[in-house]
mmCIF file of all heavy atoms, coordinates in Angstrom:
data_MODEL
# 
_entry.id   MODEL 
# 
loop_
_atom_site.group_PDB 
_atom_site.id 
_atom_site.type_symbol 
_atom_site.label_atom_id 
_atom_site.label_alt_id 
_atom_site.label_comp_id 
_atom_site.label_asym_id 
_atom_site.label_entity_id 
_atom_site.label_seq_id 
_atom_site.pdbx_PDB_ins_code 
_atom_site.Cartn_x 
_atom_site.Cartn_y 
_atom_site.Cartn_z 
_atom_site.occupancy 
_atom_site.B_iso_or_equiv 
_atom_site.pdbx_formal_charge 
_atom_site.auth_seq_id 
_atom_site.auth_comp_id 
_atom_site.auth_asym_id 
_atom_site.auth_atom_id 
_atom_site.pdbx_PDB_model_num 
ATOM 1   N N   . TYR A 1 1  ? 35.049 -105.571 9.399  1.00 0.00 ? 1  TYR A N   1 
ATOM 2   C CA  . TYR A 1 1  ? 34.500 -104.631 10.378 1.00 0.00 ? 1  TYR A CA  1 
ATOM 3   C C   . TYR A 1 1  ? 35.456 -103.473 10.674 1.00 0.00 ? 1  TYR A C   1 
ATOM 4   O O   . TYR A 1 1  ? 35.104 -102.546 11.395 1.00 0.00 ? 1  TYR A O   1 
ATOM 5   C CB  . TYR A 1 1  ? 34.115 -105.367 11.653 1.00 0.00 ? 1  TYR A CB  1 
ATOM 6   C CG  . TYR A 1 1  ? 32.962 -106.318 11.426 1.00 0.00 ? 1  TYR A CG  1 
ATOM 7   C CD1 . TYR A 1 1  ? 33.060 -107.660 11.783 1.00 0.00 ? 1  TYR A CD1 1 
ATOM 8   C CD2 . TYR A 1 1  ? 31.783 -105.895 10.821 1.00 0.00 ? 1  TYR A CD2 1 
ATOM 9   C CE1 . TYR A 1 1  ? 32.005 -108.543 11.563 1.00 0.00 ? 1  TYR A CE1 1 
ATOM 10  C CE2 . TYR A 1 1  ? 30.728 -106.765 10.586 1.00 0.00 ? 1  TYR A CE2 1 
ATOM 11  C CZ  . TYR A 1 1  ? 30.855 -108.083 10.962 1.00 0.00 ? 1  TYR A CZ  1 
ATOM 12  O OH  . TYR A 1 1  ? 29.812 -108.962 10.734 1.00 0.00 ? 1  TYR A OH  1 
ATOM 13  N N   . TYR A 1 2  ? 36.669 -103.546 10.137 1.00 0.00 ? 2  TYR A N   1 
ATOM 14  C CA  . TYR A 1 2  ? 37.568 -102.390 10.191 1.00 0.00 ? 2  TYR A CA  1 
ATOM 15  C C   . TYR A 1 2  ? 37.305 -101.439 9.028  1.00 0.00 ? 2  TYR A C   1 
ATOM 16  O O   . TYR A 1 2  ? 37.826 -100.320 9.009  1.00 0.00 ? 2  TYR A O   1 
ATOM 17  C CB  . TYR A 1 2  ? 39.029 -102.854 10.118 1.00 0.00 ? 2  TYR A CB  1 
ATOM 18  C CG  . TYR A 1 2  ? 39.520 -103.551 11.369 1.00 0.00 ? 2  TYR A CG  1 
ATOM 19  C CD1 . TYR A 1 2  ? 39.513 -104.939 11.457 1.00 0.00 ? 2  TYR A CD1 1 
ATOM 20  C CD2 . TYR A 1 2  ? 39.993 -102.823 12.458 1.00 0.00 ? 2  TYR A CD2 1 
ATOM 21  C CE1 . TYR A 1 2  ? 39.966 -105.591 12.596 1.00 0.00 ? 2  TYR A CE1 1 
ATOM 22  C CE2 . TYR A 1 2  ? 40.447 -103.453 13.602 1.00 0.00 ? 2  TYR A CE2 1 
ATOM 23  C CZ  . TYR A 1 2  ? 40.431 -104.842 13.668 1.00 0.00 ? 2  TYR A CZ  1 
ATOM 24  O OH  . TYR A 1 2  ? 40.876 -105.468 14.798 1.00 0.00 ? 2  TYR A OH  1 
ATOM 25  N N   . ASP A 1 3  ? 36.541 -101.904 8.070  1.00 0.00 ? 3  ASP A N   1 
ATOM 26  C CA  . ASP A 1 3  ? 36.253 -101.117 6.870  1.00 0.00 ? 3  ASP A CA  1 
ATOM 27  C C   . ASP A 1 3  ? 35.252 -100.008 7.206  1.00 0.00 ? 3  ASP A C   1 
ATOM 28  O O   . ASP A 1 3  ? 34.114 -100.293 7.581  1.00 0.00 ? 3  ASP A O   1 
ATOM 29  C CB  . ASP A 1 3  ? 35.667 -102.040 5.797  1.00 0.00 ? 3  ASP A CB  1 
ATOM 30  C CG  . ASP A 1 3  ? 35.377 -101.323 4.483  1.00 0.00 ? 3  ASP A CG  1 
ATOM 31  O OD1 . ASP A 1 3  ? 35.644 -100.109 4.398  1.00 0.00 ? 3  ASP A OD1 1 
ATOM 32  O OD2 . ASP A 1 3  ? 34.889 -101.996 3.553  1.00 0.00 ? 3  ASP A OD2 1 
ATOM 33  N N   . PRO A 1 4  ? 35.639 -98.737  7.080  1.00 0.00 ? 4  PRO A N   1 
ATOM 34  C CA  . PRO A 1 4  ? 34.706 -97.654  7.408  1.00 0.00 ? 4  PRO A CA  1 
ATOM 35  C C   . PRO A 1 4  ? 33.481 -97.625  6.504  1.00 0.00 ? 4  PRO A C   1 
ATOM 36  O O   . PRO A 1 4  ? 32.473 -97.005  6.844  1.00 0.00 ? 4  PRO A O   1 
ATOM 37  C CB  . PRO A 1 4  ? 35.551 -96.388  7.229  1.00 0.00 ? 4  PRO A CB  1 
ATOM 38  C CG  . PRO A 1 4  ? 36.676 -96.790  6.342  1.00 0.00 ? 4  PRO A CG  1 
ATOM 39  C CD  . PRO A 1 4  ? 36.954 -98.231  6.640  1.00 0.00 ? 4  PRO A CD  1 
ATOM 40  N N   . LEU A 1 5  ? 33.544 -98.319  5.346  1.00 0.00 ? 5  LEU A N   1 
ATOM 41  C CA  . LEU A 1 5  ? 32.436 -98.300  4.406  1.00 0.00 ? 5  LEU A CA  1 
ATOM 42  C C   . LEU A 1 5  ? 31.589 -99.571  4.453  1.00 0.00 ? 5  LEU A C   1 
ATOM 43  O O   . LEU A 1 5  ? 30.698 -99.750  3.621  1.00 0.00 ? 5  LEU A O   1 
ATOM 44  C CB  . LEU A 1 5  ? 32.970 -98.076  2.977  1.00 0.00 ? 5  LEU A CB  1 
ATOM 45  C CG  . LEU A 1 5  ? 33.861 -96.849  2.795  1.00 0.00 ? 5  LEU A CG  1 
ATOM 46  C CD1 . LEU A 1 5  ? 34.202 -96.653  1.323  1.00 0.00 ? 5  LEU A CD1 1 
ATOM 47  C CD2 . LEU A 1 5  ? 33.198 -95.606  3.357  1.00 0.00 ? 5  LEU A CD2 1 
ATOM 48  N N   . HIS A 1 6  ? 31.851 -100.444 5.417  1.00 0.00 ? 6  HIS A N   1 
ATOM 49  C CA  . HIS A 1 6  ? 31.020 -101.639 5.609  1.00 0.00 ? 6  HIS A CA  1 
ATOM 50  C C   . HIS A 1 6  ? 29.626 -101.203 6.073  1.00 0.00 ? 6  HIS A C   1 
ATOM 51  O O   . HIS A 1 6  ? 29.485 -100.194 6.766  1.00 0.00 ? 6  HIS A O   1 
ATOM 52  C CB  . HIS A 1 6  ? 31.669 -102.553 6.657  1.00 0.00 ? 6  HIS A CB  1 
ATOM 53  C CG  . HIS A 1 6  ? 30.981 -103.858 6.839  1.00 0.00 ? 6  HIS A CG  1 
ATOM 54  N ND1 . HIS A 1 6  ? 29.843 -103.994 7.617  1.00 0.00 ? 6  HIS A ND1 1 
ATOM 55  C CD2 . HIS A 1 6  ? 31.238 -105.091 6.346  1.00 0.00 ? 6  HIS A CD2 1 
ATOM 56  C CE1 . HIS A 1 6  ? 29.447 -105.258 7.595  1.00 0.00 ? 6  HIS A CE1 1 
ATOM 57  N NE2 . HIS A 1 6  ? 30.278 -105.941 6.832  1.00 0.00 ? 6  HIS A NE2 1 
ATOM 58  N N   . PRO A 1 7  ? 28.562 -101.971 5.707  1.00 0.00 ? 7  PRO A N   1 
ATOM 59  C CA  . PRO A 1 7  ? 27.191 -101.558 6.076  1.00 0.00 ? 7  PRO A CA  1 
ATOM 60  C C   . PRO A 1 7  ? 26.984 -101.251 7.559  1.00 0.00 ? 7  PRO A C   1 
ATOM 61  O O   . PRO A 1 7  ? 26.224 -100.333 7.896  1.00 0.00 ? 7  PRO A O   1 
ATOM 62  C CB  . PRO A 1 7  ? 26.341 -102.757 5.647  1.00 0.00 ? 7  PRO A CB  1 
ATOM 63  C CG  . PRO A 1 7  ? 27.100 -103.378 4.527  1.00 0.00 ? 7  PRO A CG  1 
ATOM 64  C CD  . PRO A 1 7  ? 28.550 -103.173 4.856  1.00 0.00 ? 7  PRO A CD  1 
ATOM 65  N N   . VAL A 1 8  ? 27.654 -101.984 8.457  1.00 0.00 ? 8  VAL A N   1 
ATOM 66  C CA  . VAL A 1 8  ? 27.443 -101.738 9.890  1.00 0.00 ? 8  VAL A CA  1 
ATOM 67  C C   . VAL A 1 8  ? 27.936 -100.358 10.306 1.00 0.00 ? 8  VAL A C   1 
ATOM 68  O O   . VAL A 1 8  ? 27.531 -99.837  11.348 1.00 0.00 ? 8  VAL A O   1 
ATOM 69  C CB  . VAL A 1 8  ? 28.121 -102.817 10.758 1.00 0.00 ? 8  VAL A CB  1 
ATOM 70  C CG1 . VAL A 1 8  ? 27.553 -104.186 10.476 1.00 0.00 ? 8  VAL A CG1 1 
ATOM 71  C CG2 . VAL A 1 8  ? 29.631 -102.817 10.564 1.00 0.00 ? 8  VAL A CG2 1 
ATOM 72  N N   . ASN A 1 9  ? 28.807 -99.767  9.506  1.00 0.00 ? 9  ASN A N   1 
ATOM 73  C CA  . ASN A 1 9  ? 29.356 -98.446  9.836  1.00 0.00 ? 9  ASN A CA  1 
ATOM 74  C C   . ASN A 1 9  ? 28.706 -97.317  9.054  1.00 0.00 ? 9  ASN A C   1 
ATOM 75  O O   . ASN A 1 9  ? 29.127 -96.165  9.168  1.00 0.00 ? 9  ASN A O   1 
ATOM 76  C CB  . ASN A 1 9  ? 30.864 -98.423  9.556  1.00 0.00 ? 9  ASN A CB  1 
ATOM 77  C CG  . ASN A 1 9  ? 31.625 -99.418  10.396 1.00 0.00 ? 9  ASN A CG  1 
ATOM 78  O OD1 . ASN A 1 9  ? 31.353 -99.570  11.581 1.00 0.00 ? 9  ASN A OD1 1 
ATOM 79  N ND2 . ASN A 1 9  ? 32.584 -100.106 9.791  1.00 0.00 ? 9  ASN A ND2 1 
ATOM 80  N N   . MET A 1 10 ? 27.667 -97.647  8.280  1.00 0.00 ? 10 MET A N   1 
ATOM 81  C CA  . MET A 1 10 ? 27.143 -96.678  7.326  1.00 0.00 ? 10 MET A CA  1 
ATOM 82  C C   . MET A 1 10 ? 25.783 -96.086  7.697  1.00 0.00 ? 10 MET A C   1 
ATOM 83  O O   . MET A 1 10 ? 25.133 -95.478  6.865  1.00 0.00 ? 10 MET A O   1 
ATOM 84  C CB  . MET A 1 10 ? 27.056 -97.317  5.941  1.00 0.00 ? 10 MET A CB  1 
ATOM 85  C CG  . MET A 1 10 ? 28.416 -97.589  5.300  1.00 0.00 ? 10 MET A CG  1 
ATOM 86  S SD  . MET A 1 10 ? 29.395 -96.096  5.109  1.00 0.00 ? 10 MET A SD  1 
ATOM 87  C CE  . MET A 1 10 ? 28.367 -95.204  3.964  1.00 0.00 ? 10 MET A CE  1 
ATOM 88  N N   . GLN A 1 11 ? 25.350 -96.264  8.919  1.00 0.00 ? 11 GLN A N   1 
ATOM 89  C CA  . GLN A 1 11 ? 24.063 -95.687  9.309  1.00 0.00 ? 11 GLN A CA  1 
ATOM 90  C C   . GLN A 1 11 ? 24.122 -94.165  9.222  1.00 0.00 ? 11 GLN A C   1 
ATOM 91  O O   . GLN A 1 11 ? 25.078 -93.533  9.660  1.00 0.00 ? 11 GLN A O   1 
ATOM 92  C CB  . GLN A 1 11 ? 23.709 -96.106  10.730 1.00 0.00 ? 11 GLN A CB  1 
ATOM 93  C CG  . GLN A 1 11 ? 23.448 -97.596  10.870 1.00 0.00 ? 11 GLN A CG  1 
ATOM 94  C CD  . GLN A 1 11 ? 23.029 -97.972  12.276 1.00 0.00 ? 11 GLN A CD  1 
ATOM 95  O OE1 . GLN A 1 11 ? 22.887 -97.128  13.141 1.00 0.00 ? 11 GLN A OE1 1 
ATOM 96  N NE2 . GLN A 1 11 ? 22.822 -99.258  12.485 1.00 0.00 ? 11 GLN A NE2 1 
ATOM 97  N N   . ASN A 1 12 ? 23.064 -93.602  8.632  1.00 0.00 ? 12 ASN A N   1 
ATOM 98  C CA  . ASN A 1 12 ? 22.927 -92.144  8.496  1.00 0.00 ? 12 ASN A CA  1 
ATOM 99  C C   . ASN A 1 12 ? 24.039 -91.508  7.680  1.00 0.00 ? 12 ASN A C   1 
ATOM 100 O O   . ASN A 1 12 ? 24.342 -90.326  7.841  1.00 0.00 ? 12 ASN A O   1 
ATOM 101 C CB  . ASN A 1 12 ? 22.863 -91.481  9.878  1.00 0.00 ? 12 ASN A CB  1 
ATOM 102 C CG  . ASN A 1 12 ? 21.728 -92.020  10.718 1.00 0.00 ? 12 ASN A CG  1 
ATOM 103 O OD1 . ASN A 1 12 ? 20.619 -92.213  10.231 1.00 0.00 ? 12 ASN A OD1 1 
ATOM 104 N ND2 . ASN A 1 12 ? 22.003 -92.276  11.990 1.00 0.00 ? 12 ASN A ND2 1 
ATOM 105 N N   . GLN A 1 13 ? 24.652 -92.290  6.788  1.00 0.00 ? 13 GLN A N   1 
ATOM 106 C CA  . GLN A 1 13 ? 25.688 -91.774  5.906  1.00 0.00 ? 13 GLN A CA  1 
ATOM 107 C C   . GLN A 1 13 ? 25.126 -91.662  4.484  1.00 0.00 ? 13 GLN A C   1 
ATOM 108 O O   . GLN A 1 13 ? 24.199 -92.378  4.117  1.00 0.00 ? 13 GLN A O   1 
ATOM 109 C CB  . GLN A 1 13 ? 26.911 -92.693  5.906  1.00 0.00 ? 13 GLN A CB  1 
ATOM 110 C CG  . GLN A 1 13 ? 27.576 -92.856  7.258  1.00 0.00 ? 13 GLN A CG  1 
ATOM 111 C CD  . GLN A 1 13 ? 28.172 -91.551  7.763  1.00 0.00 ? 13 GLN A CD  1 
ATOM 112 O OE1 . GLN A 1 13 ? 28.834 -90.827  7.020  1.00 0.00 ? 13 GLN A OE1 1 
ATOM 113 N NE2 . GLN A 1 13 ? 27.924 -91.236  9.017  1.00 0.00 ? 13 GLN A NE2 1 
ATOM 114 N N   . PRO A 1 14 ? 25.698 -90.772  3.662  1.00 0.00 ? 14 PRO A N   1 
ATOM 115 C CA  . PRO A 1 14 ? 25.250 -90.665  2.260  1.00 0.00 ? 14 PRO A CA  1 
ATOM 116 C C   . PRO A 1 14 ? 25.387 -91.991  1.522  1.00 0.00 ? 14 PRO A C   1 
ATOM 117 O O   . PRO A 1 14 ? 26.208 -92.846  1.887  1.00 0.00 ? 14 PRO A O   1 
ATOM 118 C CB  . PRO A 1 14 ? 26.187 -89.601  1.682  1.00 0.00 ? 14 PRO A CB  1 
ATOM 119 C CG  . PRO A 1 14 ? 26.607 -88.789  2.856  1.00 0.00 ? 14 PRO A CG  1 
ATOM 120 C CD  . PRO A 1 14 ? 26.705 -89.749  4.001  1.00 0.00 ? 14 PRO A CD  1 
ATOM 121 N N   . ASP A 1 15 ? 24.611 -92.168  0.461  1.00 0.00 ? 15 ASP A N   1 
ATOM 122 C CA  . ASP A 1 15 ? 24.587 -93.427  -0.292 1.00 0.00 ? 15 ASP A CA  1 
ATOM 123 C C   . ASP A 1 15 ? 25.908 -93.725  -0.984 1.00 0.00 ? 15 ASP A C   1 
ATOM 124 O O   . ASP A 1 15 ? 26.220 -94.880  -1.260 1.00 0.00 ? 15 ASP A O   1 
ATOM 125 C CB  . ASP A 1 15 ? 23.486 -93.389  -1.354 1.00 0.00 ? 15 ASP A CB  1 
ATOM 126 C CG  . ASP A 1 15 ? 22.104 -93.258  -0.751 1.00 0.00 ? 15 ASP A CG  1 
ATOM 127 O OD1 . ASP A 1 15 ? 21.992 -93.366  0.486  1.00 0.00 ? 15 ASP A OD1 1 
ATOM 128 O OD2 . ASP A 1 15 ? 21.139 -93.046  -1.505 1.00 0.00 ? 15 ASP A OD2 1 
ATOM 129 N N   . ILE A 1 16 ? 26.675 -92.701  -1.306 1.00 0.00 ? 16 ILE A N   1 
ATOM 130 C CA  . ILE A 1 16 ? 27.979 -92.875  -1.950 1.00 0.00 ? 16 ILE A CA  1 
ATOM 131 C C   . ILE A 1 16 ? 29.038 -92.284  -1.023 1.00 0.00 ? 16 ILE A C   1 
ATOM 132 O O   . ILE A 1 16 ? 28.947 -91.120  -0.632 1.00 0.00 ? 16 ILE A O   1 
ATOM 133 C CB  . ILE A 1 16 ? 28.026 -92.199  -3.328 1.00 0.00 ? 16 ILE A CB  1 
ATOM 134 C CG1 . ILE A 1 16 ? 26.960 -92.796  -4.246 1.00 0.00 ? 16 ILE A CG1 1 
ATOM 135 C CG2 . ILE A 1 16 ? 29.417 -92.360  -3.957 1.00 0.00 ? 16 ILE A CG2 1 
ATOM 136 C CD1 . ILE A 1 16 ? 26.784 -92.070  -5.557 1.00 0.00 ? 16 ILE A CD1 1 
ATOM 137 N N   . GLN A 1 17 ? 30.017 -93.117  -0.667 1.00 0.00 ? 17 GLN A N   1 
ATOM 138 C CA  . GLN A 1 17 ? 30.997 -92.703  0.325  1.00 0.00 ? 17 GLN A CA  1 
ATOM 139 C C   . GLN A 1 17 ? 32.425 -92.894  -0.176 1.00 0.00 ? 17 GLN A C   1 
ATOM 140 O O   . GLN A 1 17 ? 32.760 -93.921  -0.776 1.00 0.00 ? 17 GLN A O   1 
ATOM 141 C CB  . GLN A 1 17 ? 30.821 -93.530  1.603  1.00 0.00 ? 17 GLN A CB  1 
ATOM 142 C CG  . GLN A 1 17 ? 29.702 -93.037  2.497  1.00 0.00 ? 17 GLN A CG  1 
ATOM 143 C CD  . GLN A 1 17 ? 30.107 -91.797  3.265  1.00 0.00 ? 17 GLN A CD  1 
ATOM 144 O OE1 . GLN A 1 17 ? 31.096 -91.785  3.999  1.00 0.00 ? 17 GLN A OE1 1 
ATOM 145 N NE2 . GLN A 1 17 ? 29.341 -90.729  3.090  1.00 0.00 ? 17 GLN A NE2 1 
ATOM 146 N N   . LEU A 1 18 ? 33.270 -91.911  0.094  1.00 0.00 ? 18 LEU A N   1 
ATOM 147 C CA  . LEU A 1 18 ? 34.708 -92.009  -0.144 1.00 0.00 ? 18 LEU A CA  1 
ATOM 148 C C   . LEU A 1 18 ? 35.381 -92.384  1.170  1.00 0.00 ? 18 LEU A C   1 
ATOM 149 O O   . LEU A 1 18 ? 35.061 -91.818  2.218  1.00 0.00 ? 18 LEU A O   1 
ATOM 150 C CB  . LEU A 1 18 ? 35.274 -90.684  -0.633 1.00 0.00 ? 18 LEU A CB  1 
ATOM 151 C CG  . LEU A 1 18 ? 34.621 -90.032  -1.852 1.00 0.00 ? 18 LEU A CG  1 
ATOM 152 C CD1 . LEU A 1 18 ? 35.292 -88.706  -2.160 1.00 0.00 ? 18 LEU A CD1 1 
ATOM 153 C CD2 . LEU A 1 18 ? 34.708 -90.953  -3.052 1.00 0.00 ? 18 LEU A CD2 1 
ATOM 154 N N   . MET A 1 19 ? 36.306 -93.327  1.130  1.00 0.00 ? 19 MET A N   1 
ATOM 155 C CA  . MET A 1 19 ? 36.957 -93.749  2.362  1.00 0.00 ? 19 MET A CA  1 
ATOM 156 C C   . MET A 1 19 ? 37.728 -92.610  3.016  1.00 0.00 ? 19 MET A C   1 
ATOM 157 O O   . MET A 1 19 ? 37.697 -92.433  4.239  1.00 0.00 ? 19 MET A O   1 
ATOM 158 C CB  . MET A 1 19 ? 37.909 -94.907  2.091  1.00 0.00 ? 19 MET A CB  1 
ATOM 159 C CG  . MET A 1 19 ? 38.483 -95.497  3.376  1.00 0.00 ? 19 MET A CG  1 
ATOM 160 S SD  . MET A 1 19 ? 39.726 -96.769  3.079  1.00 0.00 ? 19 MET A SD  1 
ATOM 161 C CE  . MET A 1 19 ? 41.081 -95.754  2.480  1.00 0.00 ? 19 MET A CE  1 
ATOM 162 N N   . GLN A 1 20 ? 38.426 -91.827  2.197  1.00 0.00 ? 20 GLN A N   1 
ATOM 163 C CA  . GLN A 1 20 ? 39.282 -90.778  2.750  1.00 0.00 ? 20 GLN A CA  1 
ATOM 164 C C   . GLN A 1 20 ? 38.481 -89.713  3.501  1.00 0.00 ? 20 GLN A C   1 
ATOM 165 O O   . GLN A 1 20 ? 39.013 -89.032  4.371  1.00 0.00 ? 20 GLN A O   1 
ATOM 166 C CB  . GLN A 1 20 ? 40.089 -90.119  1.624  1.00 0.00 ? 20 GLN A CB  1 
ATOM 167 C CG  . GLN A 1 20 ? 41.040 -91.071  0.907  1.00 0.00 ? 20 GLN A CG  1 
ATOM 168 C CD  . GLN A 1 20 ? 42.143 -91.605  1.806  1.00 0.00 ? 20 GLN A CD  1 
ATOM 169 O OE1 . GLN A 1 20 ? 42.434 -91.024  2.857  1.00 0.00 ? 20 GLN A OE1 1 
ATOM 170 N NE2 . GLN A 1 20 ? 42.754 -92.714  1.427  1.00 0.00 ? 20 GLN A NE2 1 
ATOM 171 N N   . ARG A 1 21 ? 37.187 -89.566  3.170  1.00 0.00 ? 21 ARG A N   1 
ATOM 172 C CA  . ARG A 1 21 ? 36.385 -88.519  3.815  1.00 0.00 ? 21 ARG A CA  1 
ATOM 173 C C   . ARG A 1 21 ? 35.356 -89.101  4.775  1.00 0.00 ? 21 ARG A C   1 
ATOM 174 O O   . ARG A 1 21 ? 34.398 -88.431  5.141  1.00 0.00 ? 21 ARG A O   1 
ATOM 175 C CB  . ARG A 1 21 ? 35.701 -87.673  2.743  1.00 0.00 ? 21 ARG A CB  1 
ATOM 176 C CG  . ARG A 1 21 ? 36.713 -87.058  1.777  1.00 0.00 ? 21 ARG A CG  1 
ATOM 177 C CD  . ARG A 1 21 ? 36.117 -85.972  0.933  1.00 0.00 ? 21 ARG A CD  1 
ATOM 178 N NE  . ARG A 1 21 ? 37.106 -85.432  0.015  1.00 0.00 ? 21 ARG A NE  1 
ATOM 179 C CZ  . ARG A 1 21 ? 36.923 -84.381  -0.758 1.00 0.00 ? 21 ARG A CZ  1 
ATOM 180 N NH1 . ARG A 1 21 ? 35.777 -83.748  -0.728 1.00 0.00 ? 21 ARG A NH1 1 
ATOM 181 N NH2 . ARG A 1 21 ? 37.872 -83.965  -1.576 1.00 0.00 ? 21 ARG A NH2 1 
ATOM 182 N N   . ASN A 1 22 ? 35.565 -90.341  5.170  1.00 0.00 ? 22 ASN A N   1 
ATOM 183 C CA  . ASN A 1 22 ? 34.635 -90.994  6.082  1.00 0.00 ? 22 ASN A CA  1 
ATOM 184 C C   . ASN A 1 22 ? 35.283 -91.151  7.450  1.00 0.00 ? 22 ASN A C   1 
ATOM 185 O O   . ASN A 1 22 ? 36.381 -91.701  7.561  1.00 0.00 ? 22 ASN A O   1 
ATOM 186 C CB  . ASN A 1 22 ? 34.235 -92.368  5.516  1.00 0.00 ? 22 ASN A CB  1 
ATOM 187 C CG  . ASN A 1 22 ? 33.193 -93.052  6.367  1.00 0.00 ? 22 ASN A CG  1 
ATOM 188 O OD1 . ASN A 1 22 ? 33.483 -93.495  7.460  1.00 0.00 ? 22 ASN A OD1 1 
ATOM 189 N ND2 . ASN A 1 22 ? 31.971 -93.123  5.861  1.00 0.00 ? 22 ASN A ND2 1 
ATOM 190 N N   . ASP A 1 23 ? 34.607 -90.666  8.491  1.00 0.00 ? 23 ASP A N   1 
ATOM 191 C CA  . ASP A 1 23 ? 35.178 -90.688  9.842  1.00 0.00 ? 23 ASP A CA  1 
ATOM 192 C C   . ASP A 1 23 ? 34.294 -91.436  10.835 1.00 0.00 ? 23 ASP A C   1 
ATOM 193 O O   . ASP A 1 23 ? 34.260 -91.115  12.016 1.00 0.00 ? 23 ASP A O   1 
ATOM 194 C CB  . ASP A 1 23 ? 35.392 -89.251  10.345 1.00 0.00 ? 23 ASP A CB  1 
ATOM 195 C CG  . ASP A 1 23 ? 36.352 -88.467  9.465  1.00 0.00 ? 23 ASP A CG  1 
ATOM 196 O OD1 . ASP A 1 23 ? 37.383 -89.042  9.079  1.00 0.00 ? 23 ASP A OD1 1 
ATOM 197 O OD2 . ASP A 1 23 ? 36.054 -87.298  9.159  1.00 0.00 ? 23 ASP A OD2 1 
ATOM 198 N N   . VAL A 1 24 ? 33.567 -92.472  10.361 1.00 0.00 ? 24 VAL A N   1 
ATOM 199 C CA  . VAL A 1 24 ? 32.631 -93.160  11.243 1.00 0.00 ? 24 VAL A CA  1 
ATOM 200 C C   . VAL A 1 24 ? 33.328 -94.119  12.200 1.00 0.00 ? 24 VAL A C   1 
ATOM 201 O O   . VAL A 1 24 ? 32.741 -94.540  13.192 1.00 0.00 ? 24 VAL A O   1 
ATOM 202 C CB  . VAL A 1 24 ? 31.550 -93.922  10.438 1.00 0.00 ? 24 VAL A CB  1 
ATOM 203 C CG1 . VAL A 1 24 ? 30.708 -92.965  9.634  1.00 0.00 ? 24 VAL A CG1 1 
ATOM 204 C CG2 . VAL A 1 24 ? 32.186 -94.978  9.538  1.00 0.00 ? 24 VAL A CG2 1 
ATOM 205 N N   . ILE A 1 25 ? 34.575 -94.497  11.916 1.00 0.00 ? 25 ILE A N   1 
ATOM 206 C CA  . ILE A 1 25 ? 35.330 -95.340  12.842 1.00 0.00 ? 25 ILE A CA  1 
ATOM 207 C C   . ILE A 1 25 ? 36.583 -94.585  13.263 1.00 0.00 ? 25 ILE A C   1 
ATOM 208 O O   . ILE A 1 25 ? 36.948 -93.571  12.677 1.00 0.00 ? 25 ILE A O   1 
ATOM 209 C CB  . ILE A 1 25 ? 35.700 -96.702  12.223 1.00 0.00 ? 25 ILE A CB  1 
ATOM 210 C CG1 . ILE A 1 25 ? 36.682 -96.531  11.051 1.00 0.00 ? 25 ILE A CG1 1 
ATOM 211 C CG2 . ILE A 1 25 ? 34.465 -97.446  11.762 1.00 0.00 ? 25 ILE A CG2 1 
ATOM 212 C CD1 . ILE A 1 25 ? 37.224 -97.839  10.521 1.00 0.00 ? 25 ILE A CD1 1 
# 
């Protein structure tokens, strides 16, 4: 759940995500 790319953190995000450019947490 600390993973920014885990499904619970991916609502309304693009289908392919880079960790470095993800700011959901």
